[in-house]
PDB file of N, CA and C in Angstrom:
ATOM      1  N   UNK A   1      39.306 -11.792  40.673  1.00  0.00           N
ATOM      2  CA  UNK A   1      40.418 -12.541  40.154  1.00  0.00           C
ATOM      3  C   UNK A   1      40.895 -11.973  38.819  1.00  0.00           C
ATOM      4  N   UNK A   2      39.993 -11.489  37.993  1.00  0.00           N
ATOM      5  CA  UNK A   2      40.382 -10.898  36.722  1.00  0.00           C
ATOM      6  C   UNK A   2      41.243  -9.669  36.930  1.00  0.00           C
ATOM      7  N   UNK A   3      40.989  -8.927  37.987  1.00  0.00           N
ATOM      8  CA  UNK A   3      41.754  -7.713  38.254  1.00  0.00           C
ATOM      9  C   UNK A   3      43.203  -8.067  38.592  1.00  0.00           C
ATOM     10  N   UNK A   4      43.430  -9.166  39.250  1.00  0.00           N
ATOM     11  CA  UNK A   4      44.776  -9.566  39.616  1.00  0.00           C
ATOM     12  C   UNK A   4      45.582  -9.965  38.372  1.00  0.00           C
ATOM     13  N   UNK A   5      44.984 -10.706  37.469  1.00  0.00           N
ATOM     14  CA  UNK A   5      45.681 -11.119  36.256  1.00  0.00           C
ATOM     15  C   UNK A   5      45.982  -9.922  35.362  1.00  0.00           C
ATOM     16  N   UNK A   6      45.046  -9.002  35.259  1.00  0.00           N
ATOM     17  CA  UNK A   6      45.251  -7.820  34.420  1.00  0.00           C
ATOM     18  C   UNK A   6      46.369  -6.952  34.996  1.00  0.00           C
ATOM     19  N   UNK A   7      46.402  -6.817  36.301  1.00  0.00           N
ATOM     20  CA  UNK A   7      47.450  -6.009  36.931  1.00  0.00           C
ATOM     21  C   UNK A   7      48.816  -6.664  36.727  1.00  0.00           C
ATOM     22  N   UNK A   8      48.885  -7.976  36.797  1.00  0.00           N
ATOM     23  CA  UNK A   8      50.134  -8.686  36.578  1.00  0.00           C
ATOM     24  C   UNK A   8      50.630  -8.550  35.155  1.00  0.00           C
ATOM     25  N   UNK A   9      49.732  -8.549  34.186  1.00  0.00           N
ATOM     26  CA  UNK A   9      50.100  -8.388  32.783  1.00  0.00           C
ATOM     27  C   UNK A   9      50.640  -6.998  32.525  1.00  0.00           C
ATOM     28  N   UNK A  10      50.016  -5.989  33.116  1.00  0.00           N
ATOM     29  CA  UNK A  10      50.505  -4.615  32.951  1.00  0.00           C
ATOM     30  C   UNK A  10      51.894  -4.454  33.543  1.00  0.00           C
ATOM     31  N   UNK A  11      52.155  -5.098  34.671  1.00  0.00           N
ATOM     32  CA  UNK A  11      53.478  -5.012  35.288  1.00  0.00           C
ATOM     33  C   UNK A  11      54.551  -5.642  34.399  1.00  0.00           C
ATOM     34  N   UNK A  12      54.240  -6.774  33.793  1.00  0.00           N
ATOM     35  CA  UNK A  12      55.196  -7.446  32.921  1.00  0.00           C
ATOM     36  C   UNK A  12      55.477  -6.592  31.688  1.00  0.00           C
ATOM     37  N   UNK A  13      54.439  -5.993  31.117  1.00  0.00           N
ATOM     38  CA  UNK A  13      54.627  -5.130  29.953  1.00  0.00           C
ATOM     39  C   UNK A  13      55.462  -3.909  30.300  1.00  0.00           C
ATOM     40  N   UNK A  14      55.243  -3.366  31.478  1.00  0.00           N
ATOM     41  CA  UNK A  14      56.025  -2.210  31.918  1.00  0.00           C
ATOM     42  C   UNK A  14      57.494  -2.582  32.084  1.00  0.00           C
ATOM     43  N   UNK A  15      57.758  -3.733  32.656  1.00  0.00           N
ATOM     44  CA  UNK A  15      59.135  -4.184  32.860  1.00  0.00           C
ATOM     45  C   UNK A  15      59.814  -4.440  31.517  1.00  0.00           C
ATOM     46  N   UNK A  16      59.113  -5.089  30.604  1.00  0.00           N
ATOM     47  CA  UNK A  16      59.686  -5.368  29.287  1.00  0.00           C
ATOM     48  C   UNK A  16      59.980  -4.069  28.549  1.00  0.00           C
ATOM     49  N   UNK A  17      59.061  -3.114  28.617  1.00  0.00           N
ATOM     50  CA  UNK A  17      59.271  -1.822  27.968  1.00  0.00           C
ATOM     51  C   UNK A  17      60.474  -1.108  28.572  1.00  0.00           C
ATOM     52  N   UNK A  18      60.587  -1.132  29.890  1.00  0.00           N
ATOM     53  CA  UNK A  18      61.723  -0.495  30.564  1.00  0.00           C
ATOM     54  C   UNK A  18      63.040  -1.129  30.128  1.00  0.00           C
ATOM     55  N   UNK A  19      63.090  -2.452  30.082  1.00  0.00           N
ATOM     56  CA  UNK A  19      64.313  -3.137  29.677  1.00  0.00           C
ATOM     57  C   UNK A  19      64.666  -2.843  28.226  1.00  0.00           C
ATOM     58  N   UNK A  20      63.667  -2.779  27.357  1.00  0.00           N
ATOM     59  CA  UNK A  20      63.908  -2.470  25.954  1.00  0.00           C
ATOM     60  C   UNK A  20      64.453  -1.054  25.781  1.00  0.00           C
ATOM     61  N   UNK A  21      63.841  -0.104  26.468  1.00  0.00           N
ATOM     62  CA  UNK A  21      64.297   1.286  26.370  1.00  0.00           C
ATOM     63  C   UNK A  21      65.703   1.423  26.947  1.00  0.00           C
ATOM     64  N   UNK A  22      65.968   0.758  28.049  1.00  0.00           N
ATOM     65  CA  UNK A  22      67.304   0.803  28.640  1.00  0.00           C
ATOM     66  C   UNK A  22      68.347   0.225  27.694  1.00  0.00           C
ATOM     67  N   UNK A  23      68.025  -0.883  27.053  1.00  0.00           N
ATOM     68  CA  UNK A  23      68.947  -1.474  26.088  1.00  0.00           C
ATOM     69  C   UNK A  23      69.195  -0.564  24.903  1.00  0.00           C
ATOM     70  N   UNK A  24      68.158   0.100  24.423  1.00  0.00           N
ATOM     71  CA  UNK A  24      68.320   1.023  23.303  1.00  0.00           C
ATOM     72  C   UNK A  24      69.178   2.225  23.682  1.00  0.00           C
ATOM     73  N   UNK A  25      69.016   2.728  24.895  1.00  0.00           N
ATOM     74  CA  UNK A  25      69.833   3.857  25.350  1.00  0.00           C
ATOM     75  C   UNK A  25      71.297   3.446  25.450  1.00  0.00           C
ATOM     76  N   UNK A  26      71.561   2.271  25.997  1.00  0.00           N
ATOM     77  CA  UNK A  26      72.942   1.789  26.110  1.00  0.00           C
ATOM     78  C   UNK A  26      73.546   1.587  24.720  1.00  0.00           C
ATOM     79  N   UNK A  27      72.790   0.993  23.806  1.00  0.00           N
ATOM     80  CA  UNK A  27      73.292   0.773  22.444  1.00  0.00           C
ATOM     81  C   UNK A  27      73.583   2.103  21.752  1.00  0.00           C
ATOM     82  N   UNK A  28      72.723   3.093  21.941  1.00  0.00           N
ATOM     83  CA  UNK A  28      72.948   4.408  21.330  1.00  0.00           C
ATOM     84  C   UNK A  28      74.195   5.070  21.910  1.00  0.00           C
ATOM     85  N   UNK A  29      74.410   4.923  23.219  1.00  0.00           N
ATOM     86  CA  UNK A  29      75.594   5.512  23.843  1.00  0.00           C
ATOM     87  C   UNK A  29      76.873   4.851  23.327  1.00  0.00           C
ATOM     88  N   UNK A  30      76.870   3.537  23.200  1.00  0.00           N
ATOM     89  CA  UNK A  30      78.045   2.821  22.691  1.00  0.00           C
ATOM     90  C   UNK A  30      78.308   3.205  21.236  1.00  0.00           C
ATOM     91  N   UNK A  31      77.265   3.281  20.434  1.00  0.00           N
ATOM     92  CA  UNK A  31      77.420   3.668  19.031  1.00  0.00           C
ATOM     93  C   UNK A  31      77.943   5.097  18.912  1.00  0.00           C
ATOM     94  N   UNK A  32      77.453   6.000  19.758  1.00  0.00           N
ATOM     95  CA  UNK A  32      77.949   7.378  19.759  1.00  0.00           C
ATOM     96  C   UNK A  32      79.412   7.452  20.149  1.00  0.00           C
ATOM     97  N   UNK A  33      79.816   6.671  21.137  1.00  0.00           N
ATOM     98  CA  UNK A  33      81.216   6.658  21.574  1.00  0.00           C
ATOM     99  C   UNK A  33      82.125   6.122  20.468  1.00  0.00           C
ATOM    100  N   UNK A  34      81.705   5.063  19.815  1.00  0.00           N
ATOM    101  CA  UNK A  34      82.494   4.509  18.715  1.00  0.00           C
ATOM    102  C   UNK A  34      82.615   5.529  17.586  1.00  0.00           C
ATOM    103  N   UNK A  35      81.532   6.212  17.290  1.00  0.00           N
ATOM    104  CA  UNK A  35      81.553   7.233  16.240  1.00  0.00           C
ATOM    105  C   UNK A  35      82.531   8.348  16.588  1.00  0.00           C
ATOM    106  N   UNK A  36      82.504   8.799  17.833  1.00  0.00           N
ATOM    107  CA  UNK A  36      83.434   9.852  18.253  1.00  0.00           C
ATOM    108  C   UNK A  36      84.887   9.391  18.173  1.00  0.00           C
ATOM    109  N   UNK A  37      85.162   8.162  18.549  1.00  0.00           N
ATOM    110  CA  UNK A  37      86.525   7.643  18.472  1.00  0.00           C
ATOM    111  C   UNK A  37      87.012   7.541  17.030  1.00  0.00           C
ATOM    112  N   UNK A  38      86.141   7.114  16.129  1.00  0.00           N
ATOM    113  CA  UNK A  38      86.527   7.026  14.718  1.00  0.00           C
ATOM    114  C   UNK A  38      86.795   8.415  14.153  1.00  0.00           C
ATOM    115  N   UNK A  39      85.948   9.377  14.488  1.00  0.00           N
ATOM    116  CA  UNK A  39      86.155  10.751  14.018  1.00  0.00           C
ATOM    117  C   UNK A  39      87.464  11.312  14.558  1.00  0.00           C
ATOM    118  N   UNK A  40      87.740  11.083  15.842  1.00  0.00           N
ATOM    119  CA  UNK A  40      88.991  11.578  16.427  1.00  0.00           C
ATOM    120  C   UNK A  40      90.197  10.934  15.742  1.00  0.00           C
ATOM    121  N   UNK A  41      90.125   9.631  15.479  1.00  0.00           N
ATOM    122  CA  UNK A  41      91.223   8.945  14.794  1.00  0.00           C
ATOM    123  C   UNK A  41      91.455   9.526  13.404  1.00  0.00           C
ATOM    124  N   UNK A  42      90.376   9.736  12.674  1.00  0.00           N
ATOM    125  CA  UNK A  42      90.519  10.276  11.324  1.00  0.00           C
ATOM    126  C   UNK A  42      91.086  11.695  11.327  1.00  0.00           C
ATOM    127  N   UNK A  43      90.671  12.501  12.301  1.00  0.00           N
ATOM    128  CA  UNK A  43      91.203  13.858  12.386  1.00  0.00           C
ATOM    129  C   UNK A  43      92.688  13.860  12.732  1.00  0.00           C
ATOM    130  N   UNK A  44      93.085  12.988  13.652  1.00  0.00           N
ATOM    131  CA  UNK A  44      94.505  12.897  14.027  1.00  0.00           C
ATOM    132  C   UNK A  44      95.323  12.388  12.846  1.00  0.00           C
ATOM    133  N   UNK A  45      94.804  11.406  12.164  1.00  0.00           N
ATOM    134  CA  UNK A  45      95.528  10.852  11.023  1.00  0.00           C
ATOM    135  C   UNK A  45      95.645  11.872   9.898  1.00  0.00           C
ATOM    136  N   UNK A  46      94.596  12.610   9.664  1.00  0.00           N
ATOM    137  CA  UNK A  46      94.612  13.600   8.591  1.00  0.00           C
ATOM    138  C   UNK A  46      95.576  14.744   8.912  1.00  0.00           C
ATOM    139  N   UNK A  47      95.685  15.083  10.181  1.00  0.00           N
ATOM    140  CA  UNK A  47      96.597  16.157  10.588  1.00  0.00           C
ATOM    141  C   UNK A  47      98.047  15.709  10.571  1.00  0.00           C
ATOM    142  N   UNK A  48      98.297  14.416  10.386  1.00  0.00           N
ATOM    143  CA  UNK A  48      99.665  13.911  10.323  1.00  0.00           C
ATOM    144  C   UNK A  48     100.297  13.739  11.688  1.00  0.00           C
ATOM    145  N   UNK A  49      99.519  13.620  12.716  1.00  0.00           N
ATOM    146  CA  UNK A  49     100.042  13.484  14.079  1.00  0.00           C
ATOM    147  C   UNK A  49      99.779  12.100  14.667  1.00  0.00           C
ATOM    148  N   UNK A  50      99.647  11.124  13.816  1.00  0.00           N
ATOM    149  CA  UNK A  50      99.343   9.778  14.289  1.00  0.00           C
ATOM    150  C   UNK A  50     100.496   9.213  15.116  1.00  0.00           C
ATOM    151  N   UNK A  51     101.729   9.449  14.713  1.00  0.00           N
ATOM    152  CA  UNK A  51     102.874   8.932  15.459  1.00  0.00           C
ATOM    153  C   UNK A  51     102.951   9.561  16.856  1.00  0.00           C
ATOM    154  N   UNK A  52     102.674  10.853  16.950  1.00  0.00           N
ATOM    155  CA  UNK A  52     102.662  11.515  18.260  1.00  0.00           C
ATOM    156  C   UNK A  52     101.552  10.947  19.141  1.00  0.00           C
ATOM    157  N   UNK A  53     100.399  10.689  18.538  1.00  0.00           N
ATOM    158  CA  UNK A  53      99.286  10.120  19.299  1.00  0.00           C
ATOM    159  C   UNK A  53      99.629   8.723  19.802  1.00  0.00           C
ATOM    160  N   UNK A  54     100.340   7.947  18.989  1.00  0.00           N
ATOM    161  CA  UNK A  54     100.758   6.607  19.422  1.00  0.00           C
ATOM    162  C   UNK A  54     101.692   6.698  20.620  1.00  0.00           C
ATOM    163  N   UNK A  55     102.583   7.682  20.620  1.00  0.00           N
ATOM    164  CA  UNK A  55     103.502   7.849  21.747  1.00  0.00           C
ATOM    165  C   UNK A  55     102.747   8.201  23.026  1.00  0.00           C
ATOM    166  N   UNK A  56     101.639   8.928  22.906  1.00  0.00           N
ATOM    167  CA  UNK A  56     100.836   9.280  24.076  1.00  0.00           C
ATOM    168  C   UNK A  56     100.015   8.087  24.575  1.00  0.00           C
ATOM    169  N   UNK A  57      99.585   7.240  23.668  1.00  0.00           N
ATOM    170  CA  UNK A  57      98.718   6.116  24.029  1.00  0.00           C
ATOM    171  C   UNK A  57      99.513   4.937  24.581  1.00  0.00           C
ATOM    172  N   UNK A  58     100.768   4.787  24.167  1.00  0.00           N
ATOM    173  CA  UNK A  58     101.572   3.624  24.547  1.00  0.00           C
ATOM    174  C   UNK A  58     101.625   3.386  26.070  1.00  0.00           C
ATOM    175  N   UNK A  59     101.906   4.395  26.934  1.00  0.00           N
ATOM    176  CA  UNK A  59     101.952   4.119  28.376  1.00  0.00           C
ATOM    177  C   UNK A  59     100.600   3.705  28.953  1.00  0.00           C
ATOM    178  N   UNK A  60      99.530   4.260  28.429  1.00  0.00           N
ATOM    179  CA  UNK A  60      98.197   3.900  28.913  1.00  0.00           C
ATOM    180  C   UNK A  60      97.883   2.452  28.546  1.00  0.00           C
ATOM    181  N   UNK A  61      98.201   2.062  27.330  1.00  0.00           N
ATOM    182  CA  UNK A  61      97.943   0.689  26.896  1.00  0.00           C
ATOM    183  C   UNK A  61      98.772  -0.297  27.712  1.00  0.00           C
ATOM    184  N   UNK A  62      99.999   0.050  28.018  1.00  0.00           N
ATOM    185  CA  UNK A  62     100.846  -0.841  28.832  1.00  0.00           C
ATOM    186  C   UNK A  62     100.301  -0.963  30.257  1.00  0.00           C
ATOM    187  N   UNK A  63      99.813   0.133  30.820  1.00  0.00           N
ATOM    188  CA  UNK A  63      99.282   0.107  32.187  1.00  0.00           C
ATOM    189  C   UNK A  63      98.009  -0.733  32.275  1.00  0.00           C
ATOM    190  N   UNK A  64      97.243  -0.774  31.214  1.00  0.00           N
ATOM    191  CA  UNK A  64      95.987  -1.526  31.234  1.00  0.00           C
ATOM    192  C   UNK A  64      96.161  -2.955  30.749  1.00  0.00           C
ATOM    193  N   UNK A  65      97.364  -3.353  30.424  1.00  0.00           N
ATOM    194  CA  UNK A  65      97.618  -4.674  29.862  1.00  0.00           C
ATOM    195  C   UNK A  65      97.346  -5.826  30.794  1.00  0.00           C
ATOM    196  N   UNK A  66      97.341  -5.616  32.102  1.00  0.00           N
ATOM    197  CA  UNK A  66      97.151  -6.708  33.058  1.00  0.00           C
ATOM    198  C   UNK A  66      95.691  -6.974  33.377  1.00  0.00           C
ATOM    199  N   UNK A  67      94.797  -6.236  32.792  1.00  0.00           N
ATOM    200  CA  UNK A  67      93.380  -6.411  33.096  1.00  0.00           C
ATOM    201  C   UNK A  67      92.795  -7.579  32.309  1.00  0.00           C
ATOM    202  N   UNK A  68      91.620  -8.006  32.734  1.00  0.00           N
ATOM    203  CA  UNK A  68      90.945  -9.111  32.061  1.00  0.00           C
ATOM    204  C   UNK A  68      89.700  -8.585  31.356  1.00  0.00           C
ATOM    205  N   UNK A  69      89.078  -9.427  30.596  1.00  0.00           N
ATOM    206  CA  UNK A  69      87.843  -9.059  29.917  1.00  0.00           C
ATOM    207  C   UNK A  69      88.103  -8.256  28.656  1.00  0.00           C
ATOM    208  N   UNK A  70      87.119  -7.439  28.297  1.00  0.00           N
ATOM    209  CA  UNK A  70      87.201  -6.668  27.059  1.00  0.00           C
ATOM    210  C   UNK A  70      88.323  -5.632  27.116  1.00  0.00           C
ATOM    211  N   UNK A  71      88.506  -5.007  28.283  1.00  0.00           N
ATOM    212  CA  UNK A  71      89.571  -4.004  28.422  1.00  0.00           C
ATOM    213  C   UNK A  71      90.936  -4.655  28.230  1.00  0.00           C
ATOM    214  N   UNK A  72      91.131  -5.822  28.802  1.00  0.00           N
ATOM    215  CA  UNK A  72      92.395  -6.528  28.645  1.00  0.00           C
ATOM    216  C   UNK A  72      92.643  -6.940  27.203  1.00  0.00           C
ATOM    217  N   UNK A  73      91.594  -7.380  26.515  1.00  0.00           N
ATOM    218  CA  UNK A  73      91.750  -7.781  25.118  1.00  0.00           C
ATOM    219  C   UNK A  73      92.112  -6.589  24.240  1.00  0.00           C
ATOM    220  N   UNK A  74      91.433  -5.471  24.459  1.00  0.00           N
ATOM    221  CA  UNK A  74      91.726  -4.274  23.667  1.00  0.00           C
ATOM    222  C   UNK A  74      93.140  -3.785  23.949  1.00  0.00           C
ATOM    223  N   UNK A  75      93.533  -3.761  25.220  1.00  0.00           N
ATOM    224  CA  UNK A  75      94.880  -3.291  25.549  1.00  0.00           C
ATOM    225  C   UNK A  75      95.945  -4.252  25.018  1.00  0.00           C
ATOM    226  N   UNK A  76      95.666  -5.552  24.996  1.00  0.00           N
ATOM    227  CA  UNK A  76      96.617  -6.514  24.443  1.00  0.00           C
ATOM    228  C   UNK A  76      96.846  -6.256  22.962  1.00  0.00           C
ATOM    229  N   UNK A  77      95.753  -6.055  22.233  1.00  0.00           N
ATOM    230  CA  UNK A  77      95.873  -5.776  20.797  1.00  0.00           C
ATOM    231  C   UNK A  77      96.545  -4.432  20.555  1.00  0.00           C
ATOM    232  N   UNK A  78      96.246  -3.444  21.398  1.00  0.00           N
ATOM    233  CA  UNK A  78      96.889  -2.133  21.251  1.00  0.00           C
ATOM    234  C   UNK A  78      98.384  -2.251  21.508  1.00  0.00           C
ATOM    235  N   UNK A  79      98.769  -2.995  22.529  1.00  0.00           N
ATOM    236  CA  UNK A  79     100.198  -3.200  22.808  1.00  0.00           C
ATOM    237  C   UNK A  79     100.888  -3.907  21.648  1.00  0.00           C
ATOM    238  N   UNK A  80     100.228  -4.904  21.094  1.00  0.00           N
ATOM    239  CA  UNK A  80     100.797  -5.635  19.962  1.00  0.00           C
ATOM    240  C   UNK A  80     100.996  -4.711  18.762  1.00  0.00           C
ATOM    241  N   UNK A  81     100.007  -3.882  18.482  1.00  0.00           N
ATOM    242  CA  UNK A  81     100.093  -2.941  17.358  1.00  0.00           C
ATOM    243  C   UNK A  81     101.194  -1.916  17.609  1.00  0.00           C
ATOM    244  N   UNK A  82     101.251  -1.384  18.831  1.00  0.00           N
ATOM    245  CA  UNK A  82     102.256  -0.372  19.140  1.00  0.00           C
ATOM    246  C   UNK A  82     103.652  -0.963  19.154  1.00  0.00           C
ATOM    247  N   UNK A  83     103.816  -2.207  19.602  1.00  0.00           N
ATOM    248  CA  UNK A  83     105.131  -2.853  19.589  1.00  0.00           C
ATOM    249  C   UNK A  83     105.612  -3.108  18.170  1.00  0.00           C
ATOM    250  N   UNK A  84     104.716  -3.512  17.284  1.00  0.00           N
ATOM    251  CA  UNK A  84     105.091  -3.696  15.873  1.00  0.00           C
ATOM    252  C   UNK A  84     105.590  -2.393  15.283  1.00  0.00           C
ATOM    253  N   UNK A  85     104.924  -1.310  15.621  1.00  0.00           N
ATOM    254  CA  UNK A  85     105.316  -0.009  15.095  1.00  0.00           C
ATOM    255  C   UNK A  85     106.654   0.434  15.686  1.00  0.00           C
ATOM    256  N   UNK A  86     106.891   0.133  16.966  1.00  0.00           N
ATOM    257  CA  UNK A  86     108.137   0.541  17.616  1.00  0.00           C
ATOM    258  C   UNK A  86     109.338  -0.247  17.081  1.00  0.00           C
ATOM    259  N   UNK A  87     109.111  -1.480  16.637  1.00  0.00           N
ATOM    260  CA  UNK A  87     110.187  -2.304  16.099  1.00  0.00           C
ATOM    261  C   UNK A  87     110.580  -1.926  14.686  1.00  0.00           C
ATOM    262  N   UNK A  88     109.882  -0.970  14.147  1.00  0.00           N
ATOM    263  CA  UNK A  88     110.206  -0.547  12.793  1.00  0.00           C
ATOM    264  C   UNK A  88     109.362  -1.229  11.756  1.00  0.00           C
ATOM    265  N   UNK A  89     108.298  -1.875  12.205  1.00  0.00           N
ATOM    266  CA  UNK A  89     107.402  -2.521  11.262  1.00  0.00           C
ATOM    267  C   UNK A  89     106.682  -1.510  10.399  1.00  0.00           C
ATOM    268  N   UNK A  90     106.566  -0.306  10.913  1.00  0.00           N
ATOM    269  CA  UNK A  90     105.941   0.759  10.145  1.00  0.00           C
ATOM    270  C   UNK A  90     104.456   0.550   9.998  1.00  0.00           C
ATOM    271  N   UNK A  91     103.866   1.372   9.201  1.00  0.00           N
ATOM    272  CA  UNK A  91     102.429   1.223   9.000  1.00  0.00           C
ATOM    273  C   UNK A  91     102.110  -0.068   8.249  1.00  0.00           C
ATOM    274  N   UNK A  92     100.970  -0.618   8.524  1.00  0.00           N
ATOM    275  CA  UNK A  92     100.601  -1.876   7.898  1.00  0.00           C
ATOM    276  C   UNK A  92     100.168  -1.698   6.459  1.00  0.00           C
ATOM    277  N   UNK A  93      99.762  -0.490   6.127  1.00  0.00           N
ATOM    278  CA  UNK A  93      99.376  -0.210   4.743  1.00  0.00           C
ATOM    279  C   UNK A  93     100.205   0.940   4.219  1.00  0.00           C
ATOM    280  N   UNK A  94     100.416   0.935   2.940  1.00  0.00           N
ATOM    281  CA  UNK A  94     101.158   2.018   2.322  1.00  0.00           C
ATOM    282  C   UNK A  94     100.242   3.223   2.152  1.00  0.00           C
ATOM    283  N   UNK A  95     100.725   4.402   2.508  1.00  0.00           N
ATOM    284  CA  UNK A  95      99.960   5.616   2.251  1.00  0.00           C
ATOM    285  C   UNK A  95     100.054   5.917   0.763  1.00  0.00           C
ATOM    286  N   UNK A  96      98.962   6.332   0.201  1.00  0.00           N
ATOM    287  CA  UNK A  96      98.918   6.585  -1.239  1.00  0.00           C
ATOM    288  C   UNK A  96      99.087   8.057  -1.562  1.00  0.00           C
ATOM    289  N   UNK A  97      99.606   8.821  -0.646  1.00  0.00           N
ATOM    290  CA  UNK A  97      99.783  10.252  -0.894  1.00  0.00           C
ATOM    291  C   UNK A  97     101.014  10.537  -1.671  1.00  0.00           C
TER     292      UNK A  97
END
């Protein structure tokens, strides 16, 4: 009977370890993706091509606007930001250059 309980405990520890490692891998991948997106944004902004990039992103954001969940929320906010810019609202902050 002791062998059965010990084997069950090892299985639970293995499952918990697997779930923890899987969660850490997913978190690292999401953090890496966010880092890459921020770097790409900063490079585009520094090169002075932000307006051109907005023109490229606008059709994609509009096409994804009908979705639900996180993708729908992000596309809704992107559409709102791009529409403000298209109406002549301009940048939300003044450039200090």
